[in-house]
Amino acid sequence: MAADTHIQAEPASDSAADQGSEPEIAAAMDQEAPEEVKDLDRPITWTAEALANRAWRAAVLGLVLFPGMFHLYSLFLLVNMMFKDEEVSPSGMRKVYGALALDLAVLPIVALIVLAILSHV
């Protein structure tokens, strides 16, 4: 009833014909990358406007999640924005002033809470 079946696995071949010869591999490695990949090699640079937006979002989000951490990040972004040679739009400047006001209001309160907790330990 049962047929006698034998399955025989063939060993993997490591020959140069299966994997490509060394000159072919070397030629493939010397080829230039496509344009999309070349764009990925550039470092990411943020505009002053983008930094202002990110600082504002971090300051507002810091009111709800992890006060102190997001505000320090927001201050870091604002300091980085100071060294940009670009102009910021009036809307961006409102975000800068708002983020700075939130950061300077929340960080001392967080520092006092941390000091109060540490003084009782």
Foldseek 3Di string as FASTA:
>chain_A
DDDDDDDDDDDDDPDCVVVPHPVVVVVVVPDDDDPVVVVVPDDDDDALLVLLVQLLVLLVVLVPPVPPVSLVVSVVSLVVSVPHPDDYDPVSVVSSVNSVVSSVVRNVVVVVVVVVVVVVD
